[in-house]
Amino acid sequence: MSQENLSRLRAGYAALSRGTIDVELLAADFELSQASSIIDSAGTFRGRDAVREAIEEVSSSFEELEFTPEEIVDVGDGQILVLVHARGRGRGSGMAVDDRITHLWTFRQGKAVRLVIYDEQSEALHAVGLKE
C-alpha cells in the first residue's frame, strides 16, 4: 500500500467521523456494501451521491459517531483490511454504541472503488483468504 493511499484512507476516516465522505478518496463509480446487522440502512450503494446520502442518513441518527482505524493490513491486489472501532451515541435514545467492525477496501489506480463493511472480523478475513 502506498503512503499516499494510506494518507487518503486516514483522511477518509476523519471525514467519516464528521458524517461525510472524502470524495477525493472515492472513484466516481464507488460501491459500498454493508451488512444488515450493523445499521438499519444496510445494502449496497453505488456512486458517490448514493454513498454520501447513506452516510448522512446514518450520521443524522447519532449525536456522536466516530470511526477509528485500529489496524490497517495490506492484503494485496489493491485490497486493504481495516479493523475499526465504532463509537457513538444515538440521537434521541442516547443509546451508546461501542463496537468493532471490519472494513475491506479495494483500490484501483489510487482511488477506492469498493468498501465492504463486515460486522464479524472472521467474515472479512475469510473473504480475503486469511484466517484469524
N, C-alpha and C. Protein backbone atom coordinates (compact mmCIF):
# COMPACT_ATOMS: atom_id res chain seq x y z
N MET A 1 0.85 -1.16 0.00
CA MET A 1 0.00 0.00 0.00
C MET A 1 0.90 1.23 0.00
N SER A 2 0.61 2.14 -0.88
CA SER A 2 1.43 3.34 -0.95
C SER A 2 1.12 4.26 0.23
N GLN A 3 2.10 5.09 0.58
CA GLN A 3 1.89 6.07 1.65
C GLN A 3 0.77 7.04 1.28
N GLU A 4 0.65 7.33 -0.01
CA GLU A 4 -0.39 8.23 -0.47
C GLU A 4 -1.78 7.62 -0.22
N ASN A 5 -1.94 6.32 -0.55
CA ASN A 5 -3.23 5.66 -0.30
C ASN A 5 -3.51 5.59 1.20
N LEU A 6 -2.48 5.34 2.00
CA LEU A 6 -2.65 5.28 3.44
C LEU A 6 -3.10 6.64 3.99
N SER A 7 -2.47 7.70 3.52
CA SER A 7 -2.85 9.05 3.94
C SER A 7 -4.29 9.37 3.53
N ARG A 8 -4.65 8.99 2.31
CA ARG A 8 -6.02 9.21 1.84
C ARG A 8 -7.02 8.44 2.68
N LEU A 9 -6.67 7.20 3.01
CA LEU A 9 -7.56 6.37 3.81
C LEU A 9 -7.77 6.97 5.20
N ARG A 10 -6.70 7.43 5.83
CA ARG A 10 -6.82 8.06 7.15
C ARG A 10 -7.67 9.33 7.07
N ALA A 11 -7.48 10.12 6.02
CA ALA A 11 -8.30 11.32 5.83
C ALA A 11 -9.76 10.93 5.61
N GLY A 12 -9.98 9.82 4.94
CA GLY A 12 -11.34 9.32 4.72
C GLY A 12 -12.04 8.97 6.02
N TYR A 13 -11.30 8.36 6.96
CA TYR A 13 -11.90 8.03 8.26
C TYR A 13 -12.18 9.29 9.07
N ALA A 14 -11.34 10.28 8.97
CA ALA A 14 -11.59 11.55 9.66
C ALA A 14 -12.87 12.18 9.12
N ALA A 15 -13.05 12.15 7.79
CA ALA A 15 -14.27 12.70 7.18
C ALA A 15 -15.49 11.89 7.62
N LEU A 16 -15.36 10.58 7.64
CA LEU A 16 -16.47 9.71 8.04
C LEU A 16 -16.91 10.02 9.47
N SER A 17 -15.97 10.30 10.34
CA SER A 17 -16.30 10.66 11.72
C SER A 17 -16.98 12.03 11.81
N ARG A 18 -16.84 12.84 10.75
CA ARG A 18 -17.55 14.12 10.69
C ARG A 18 -18.90 13.96 10.00
N GLY A 19 -19.24 12.73 9.58
CA GLY A 19 -20.54 12.46 8.96
C GLY A 19 -20.58 12.73 7.48
N THR A 20 -19.43 12.73 6.83
CA THR A 20 -19.38 12.98 5.39
C THR A 20 -18.37 12.03 4.75
N ILE A 21 -18.18 12.18 3.46
CA ILE A 21 -17.19 11.36 2.77
C ILE A 21 -16.14 12.25 2.14
N ASP A 22 -14.96 11.70 1.97
CA ASP A 22 -13.88 12.38 1.28
C ASP A 22 -13.95 11.97 -0.19
N VAL A 23 -14.54 12.81 -1.02
CA VAL A 23 -14.75 12.44 -2.42
C VAL A 23 -13.44 12.23 -3.17
N GLU A 24 -12.35 12.82 -2.68
CA GLU A 24 -11.05 12.62 -3.33
C GLU A 24 -10.57 11.18 -3.17
N LEU A 25 -11.05 10.49 -2.17
CA LEU A 25 -10.68 9.10 -1.91
C LEU A 25 -11.41 8.14 -2.84
N LEU A 26 -12.62 8.49 -3.24
CA LEU A 26 -13.51 7.56 -3.94
C LEU A 26 -13.53 7.74 -5.44
N ALA A 27 -13.53 6.61 -6.15
CA ALA A 27 -13.75 6.62 -7.60
C ALA A 27 -15.21 7.03 -7.85
N ALA A 28 -15.49 7.57 -9.02
CA ALA A 28 -16.85 8.02 -9.34
C ALA A 28 -17.87 6.89 -9.24
N ASP A 29 -17.45 5.67 -9.55
CA ASP A 29 -18.36 4.52 -9.50
C ASP A 29 -18.19 3.70 -8.22
N PHE A 30 -17.74 4.34 -7.15
CA PHE A 30 -17.52 3.68 -5.86
C PHE A 30 -18.76 2.92 -5.42
N GLU A 31 -18.53 1.76 -4.78
CA GLU A 31 -19.62 0.93 -4.28
C GLU A 31 -19.40 0.61 -2.81
N LEU A 32 -20.45 0.78 -2.01
CA LEU A 32 -20.43 0.49 -0.58
C LEU A 32 -21.44 -0.62 -0.30
N SER A 33 -20.98 -1.69 0.36
CA SER A 33 -21.87 -2.78 0.78
C SER A 33 -21.73 -2.96 2.27
N GLN A 34 -22.86 -3.01 2.96
CA GLN A 34 -22.81 -3.17 4.41
C GLN A 34 -23.85 -4.18 4.87
N ALA A 35 -23.48 -4.90 5.91
CA ALA A 35 -24.33 -5.95 6.47
C ALA A 35 -25.55 -5.36 7.16
N SER A 36 -26.63 -6.10 7.12
CA SER A 36 -27.88 -5.62 7.72
C SER A 36 -27.82 -5.56 9.24
N SER A 37 -26.94 -6.33 9.85
CA SER A 37 -26.90 -6.34 11.31
C SER A 37 -26.13 -5.16 11.88
N ILE A 38 -25.50 -4.36 11.04
CA ILE A 38 -24.72 -3.23 11.54
C ILE A 38 -25.61 -2.01 11.75
N ILE A 39 -26.35 -1.63 10.73
CA ILE A 39 -27.22 -0.45 10.81
C ILE A 39 -28.49 -0.71 10.02
N ASP A 40 -29.47 0.16 10.21
CA ASP A 40 -30.75 -0.02 9.53
C ASP A 40 -30.67 0.17 8.03
N SER A 41 -29.80 1.05 7.56
CA SER A 41 -29.73 1.33 6.12
C SER A 41 -28.72 0.42 5.43
N ALA A 42 -28.91 -0.88 5.61
CA ALA A 42 -27.99 -1.85 5.03
C ALA A 42 -28.26 -2.02 3.55
N GLY A 43 -27.29 -2.61 2.86
CA GLY A 43 -27.45 -2.88 1.45
C GLY A 43 -26.23 -2.44 0.68
N THR A 44 -26.42 -2.27 -0.62
CA THR A 44 -25.34 -1.84 -1.50
C THR A 44 -25.71 -0.50 -2.10
N PHE A 45 -24.75 0.42 -2.06
CA PHE A 45 -24.95 1.77 -2.58
C PHE A 45 -23.89 2.02 -3.64
N ARG A 46 -24.29 2.50 -4.80
CA ARG A 46 -23.37 2.71 -5.91
C ARG A 46 -23.30 4.18 -6.30
N GLY A 47 -22.08 4.66 -6.43
CA GLY A 47 -21.85 6.05 -6.80
C GLY A 47 -21.68 6.94 -5.59
N ARG A 48 -20.93 8.01 -5.77
CA ARG A 48 -20.62 8.91 -4.65
C ARG A 48 -21.86 9.50 -4.01
N ASP A 49 -22.84 9.91 -4.82
CA ASP A 49 -24.03 10.55 -4.26
C ASP A 49 -24.83 9.58 -3.39
N ALA A 50 -25.01 8.35 -3.85
CA ALA A 50 -25.75 7.35 -3.07
C ALA A 50 -25.02 7.04 -1.77
N VAL A 51 -23.71 6.94 -1.83
CA VAL A 51 -22.91 6.66 -0.64
C VAL A 51 -22.99 7.83 0.32
N ARG A 52 -22.89 9.04 -0.19
CA ARG A 52 -22.98 10.24 0.65
C ARG A 52 -24.33 10.27 1.36
N GLU A 53 -25.42 10.00 0.65
CA GLU A 53 -26.75 10.01 1.26
C GLU A 53 -26.86 8.96 2.36
N ALA A 54 -26.33 7.76 2.12
CA ALA A 54 -26.38 6.69 3.12
C ALA A 54 -25.61 7.09 4.38
N ILE A 55 -24.44 7.68 4.20
CA ILE A 55 -23.62 8.09 5.34
C ILE A 55 -24.30 9.23 6.10
N GLU A 56 -24.87 10.18 5.39
CA GLU A 56 -25.56 11.28 6.06
C GLU A 56 -26.78 10.79 6.82
N GLU A 57 -27.48 9.79 6.27
CA GLU A 57 -28.65 9.23 6.96
C GLU A 57 -28.23 8.57 8.27
N VAL A 58 -27.16 7.78 8.21
CA VAL A 58 -26.67 7.13 9.43
C VAL A 58 -26.21 8.18 10.43
N SER A 59 -25.42 9.15 9.98
CA SER A 59 -24.89 10.18 10.87
C SER A 59 -25.99 10.99 11.55
N SER A 60 -27.09 11.23 10.84
CA SER A 60 -28.17 12.02 11.42
C SER A 60 -28.87 11.29 12.57
N SER A 61 -28.67 9.99 12.68
CA SER A 61 -29.27 9.19 13.75
C SER A 61 -28.45 9.23 15.04
N PHE A 62 -27.29 9.88 14.98
CA PHE A 62 -26.38 9.89 16.12
C PHE A 62 -26.02 11.31 16.53
N GLU A 63 -25.94 11.53 17.86
CA GLU A 63 -25.40 12.78 18.38
C GLU A 63 -23.90 12.81 18.16
N GLU A 64 -23.28 11.65 18.40
CA GLU A 64 -21.84 11.48 18.23
C GLU A 64 -21.64 10.19 17.45
N LEU A 65 -20.68 10.18 16.57
CA LEU A 65 -20.34 8.96 15.85
C LEU A 65 -18.91 9.09 15.37
N GLU A 66 -18.08 8.13 15.77
CA GLU A 66 -16.66 8.18 15.44
C GLU A 66 -16.19 6.81 14.97
N PHE A 67 -15.39 6.81 13.91
CA PHE A 67 -14.80 5.59 13.37
C PHE A 67 -13.28 5.72 13.46
N THR A 68 -12.65 4.88 14.28
CA THR A 68 -11.21 4.95 14.48
C THR A 68 -10.55 3.69 13.93
N PRO A 69 -9.70 3.83 12.90
CA PRO A 69 -8.99 2.64 12.41
C PRO A 69 -7.96 2.20 13.45
N GLU A 70 -8.04 0.95 13.88
CA GLU A 70 -7.11 0.43 14.88
C GLU A 70 -5.98 -0.37 14.26
N GLU A 71 -6.27 -1.01 13.14
CA GLU A 71 -5.24 -1.78 12.45
C GLU A 71 -5.55 -1.74 10.96
N ILE A 72 -4.50 -1.52 10.17
CA ILE A 72 -4.64 -1.46 8.71
C ILE A 72 -3.69 -2.51 8.13
N VAL A 73 -4.26 -3.42 7.32
CA VAL A 73 -3.49 -4.53 6.77
C VAL A 73 -3.62 -4.53 5.25
N ASP A 74 -2.50 -4.42 4.57
CA ASP A 74 -2.48 -4.53 3.12
C ASP A 74 -2.51 -6.01 2.78
N VAL A 75 -3.62 -6.48 2.20
CA VAL A 75 -3.74 -7.91 1.89
C VAL A 75 -3.41 -8.21 0.43
N GLY A 76 -2.96 -7.21 -0.30
CA GLY A 76 -2.53 -7.40 -1.69
C GLY A 76 -3.67 -7.20 -2.68
N ASP A 77 -3.30 -7.13 -3.94
CA ASP A 77 -4.23 -6.97 -5.05
C ASP A 77 -5.15 -5.76 -4.85
N GLY A 78 -4.60 -4.69 -4.27
CA GLY A 78 -5.37 -3.47 -4.08
C GLY A 78 -6.34 -3.51 -2.92
N GLN A 79 -6.31 -4.56 -2.12
CA GLN A 79 -7.24 -4.68 -1.01
C GLN A 79 -6.57 -4.34 0.32
N ILE A 80 -7.31 -3.59 1.13
CA ILE A 80 -6.82 -3.16 2.44
C ILE A 80 -7.90 -3.48 3.46
N LEU A 81 -7.50 -4.22 4.48
CA LEU A 81 -8.40 -4.60 5.57
C LEU A 81 -8.17 -3.64 6.72
N VAL A 82 -9.25 -3.05 7.24
CA VAL A 82 -9.13 -2.09 8.34
C VAL A 82 -10.02 -2.54 9.49
N LEU A 83 -9.40 -2.75 10.64
CA LEU A 83 -10.16 -3.07 11.86
C LEU A 83 -10.53 -1.73 12.48
N VAL A 84 -11.83 -1.49 12.66
CA VAL A 84 -12.35 -0.18 13.03
C VAL A 84 -13.09 -0.25 14.37
N HIS A 85 -12.82 0.73 15.22
CA HIS A 85 -13.56 0.89 16.46
C HIS A 85 -14.62 1.95 16.20
N ALA A 86 -15.89 1.55 16.26
CA ALA A 86 -17.00 2.47 16.03
C ALA A 86 -17.63 2.82 17.39
N ARG A 87 -17.71 4.12 17.66
CA ARG A 87 -18.28 4.60 18.92
C ARG A 87 -19.26 5.73 18.62
N GLY A 88 -20.30 5.78 19.42
CA GLY A 88 -21.25 6.87 19.24
C GLY A 88 -22.35 6.85 20.27
N ARG A 89 -23.28 7.79 20.10
CA ARG A 89 -24.44 7.89 20.98
C ARG A 89 -25.62 8.27 20.11
N GLY A 90 -26.68 7.47 20.25
CA GLY A 90 -27.87 7.68 19.43
C GLY A 90 -28.57 8.99 19.74
N ARG A 91 -29.03 9.63 18.69
CA ARG A 91 -29.79 10.88 18.85
C ARG A 91 -31.18 10.50 19.36
N GLY A 92 -31.63 11.16 20.35
CA GLY A 92 -32.95 10.86 20.90
C GLY A 92 -32.90 9.76 21.95
N SER A 93 -32.41 8.59 21.59
CA SER A 93 -32.37 7.47 22.54
C SER A 93 -31.24 7.59 23.54
N GLY A 94 -30.15 8.23 23.14
CA GLY A 94 -28.98 8.32 24.00
C GLY A 94 -28.23 7.01 24.13
N MET A 95 -28.66 6.00 23.38
CA MET A 95 -28.04 4.68 23.46
C MET A 95 -26.59 4.73 22.96
N ALA A 96 -25.70 4.14 23.76
CA ALA A 96 -24.28 4.12 23.40
C ALA A 96 -23.99 3.00 22.41
N VAL A 97 -23.12 3.29 21.46
CA VAL A 97 -22.62 2.31 20.51
C VAL A 97 -21.13 2.20 20.73
N ASP A 98 -20.65 1.00 20.91
CA ASP A 98 -19.23 0.76 21.09
C ASP A 98 -18.96 -0.62 20.50
N ASP A 99 -18.48 -0.64 19.26
CA ASP A 99 -18.37 -1.89 18.54
C ASP A 99 -17.12 -1.90 17.68
N ARG A 100 -16.70 -3.08 17.34
CA ARG A 100 -15.60 -3.23 16.40
C ARG A 100 -16.13 -3.88 15.15
N ILE A 101 -15.82 -3.25 14.01
CA ILE A 101 -16.24 -3.75 12.72
C ILE A 101 -15.02 -3.83 11.82
N THR A 102 -15.18 -4.45 10.69
CA THR A 102 -14.06 -4.61 9.77
C THR A 102 -14.46 -4.08 8.39
N HIS A 103 -13.59 -3.25 7.83
CA HIS A 103 -13.80 -2.69 6.50
C HIS A 103 -12.81 -3.34 5.54
N LEU A 104 -13.30 -3.74 4.39
CA LEU A 104 -12.44 -4.25 3.33
C LEU A 104 -12.55 -3.30 2.15
N TRP A 105 -11.47 -2.55 1.94
CA TRP A 105 -11.38 -1.57 0.86
C TRP A 105 -10.71 -2.20 -0.36
N THR A 106 -11.14 -1.79 -1.54
CA THR A 106 -10.46 -2.17 -2.77
C THR A 106 -10.08 -0.88 -3.50
N PHE A 107 -8.80 -0.76 -3.83
CA PHE A 107 -8.27 0.41 -4.53
C PHE A 107 -7.83 0.02 -5.94
N ARG A 108 -8.05 0.92 -6.87
CA ARG A 108 -7.55 0.80 -8.24
C ARG A 108 -7.06 2.18 -8.67
N GLN A 109 -5.85 2.24 -9.15
CA GLN A 109 -5.27 3.48 -9.67
C GLN A 109 -5.41 4.64 -8.68
N GLY A 110 -5.15 4.36 -7.39
CA GLY A 110 -5.13 5.40 -6.38
C GLY A 110 -6.48 5.84 -5.85
N LYS A 111 -7.56 5.21 -6.28
CA LYS A 111 -8.90 5.56 -5.80
C LYS A 111 -9.58 4.32 -5.21
N ALA A 112 -10.39 4.54 -4.20
CA ALA A 112 -11.19 3.45 -3.63
C ALA A 112 -12.35 3.17 -4.57
N VAL A 113 -12.49 1.91 -4.98
CA VAL A 113 -13.59 1.53 -5.87
C VAL A 113 -14.68 0.76 -5.13
N ARG A 114 -14.32 0.22 -3.95
CA ARG A 114 -15.31 -0.58 -3.21
C ARG A 114 -14.95 -0.61 -1.73
N LEU A 115 -16.00 -0.64 -0.90
CA LEU A 115 -15.86 -0.85 0.53
C LEU A 115 -16.94 -1.82 0.96
N VAL A 116 -16.52 -2.92 1.59
CA VAL A 116 -17.46 -3.87 2.17
C VAL A 116 -17.27 -3.80 3.67
N ILE A 117 -18.39 -3.60 4.39
CA ILE A 117 -18.35 -3.49 5.84
C ILE A 117 -18.87 -4.79 6.44
N TYR A 118 -18.03 -5.40 7.27
CA TYR A 118 -18.38 -6.65 7.94
C TYR A 118 -18.55 -6.40 9.43
N ASP A 119 -19.56 -7.04 10.03
CA ASP A 119 -19.70 -6.92 11.47
C ASP A 119 -18.90 -7.99 12.20
N GLU A 120 -18.45 -9.01 11.50
CA GLU A 120 -17.61 -10.06 12.08
C GLU A 120 -16.25 -10.06 11.39
N GLN A 121 -15.19 -9.91 12.15
CA GLN A 121 -13.85 -9.90 11.59
C GLN A 121 -13.56 -11.19 10.84
N SER A 122 -14.04 -12.30 11.35
CA SER A 122 -13.78 -13.60 10.72
C SER A 122 -14.34 -13.65 9.30
N GLU A 123 -15.49 -13.00 9.06
CA GLU A 123 -16.06 -12.96 7.71
C GLU A 123 -15.15 -12.20 6.75
N ALA A 124 -14.61 -11.09 7.21
CA ALA A 124 -13.71 -10.28 6.38
C ALA A 124 -12.43 -11.05 6.07
N LEU A 125 -11.87 -11.71 7.08
CA LEU A 125 -10.64 -12.49 6.88
C LEU A 125 -10.89 -13.62 5.89
N HIS A 126 -12.03 -14.25 6.01
CA HIS A 126 -12.38 -15.33 5.07
C HIS A 126 -12.50 -14.79 3.64
N ALA A 127 -13.06 -13.60 3.51
CA ALA A 127 -13.27 -13.00 2.19
C ALA A 127 -11.95 -12.76 1.45
N VAL A 128 -10.86 -12.54 2.20
CA VAL A 128 -9.57 -12.28 1.57
C VAL A 128 -8.64 -13.50 1.66
N GLY A 129 -9.19 -14.63 2.13
CA GLY A 129 -8.39 -15.85 2.18
C GLY A 129 -7.46 -15.96 3.37
N LEU A 130 -7.74 -15.22 4.44
CA LEU A 130 -6.94 -15.28 5.65
C LEU A 130 -7.73 -15.93 6.77
N LYS A 131 -7.03 -16.37 7.79
CA LYS A 131 -7.70 -16.94 8.96
C LYS A 131 -7.36 -16.11 10.17
N GLU A 132 -8.24 -16.18 11.19
CA GLU A 132 -7.99 -15.44 12.44
C GLU A 132 -6.79 -15.99 13.13
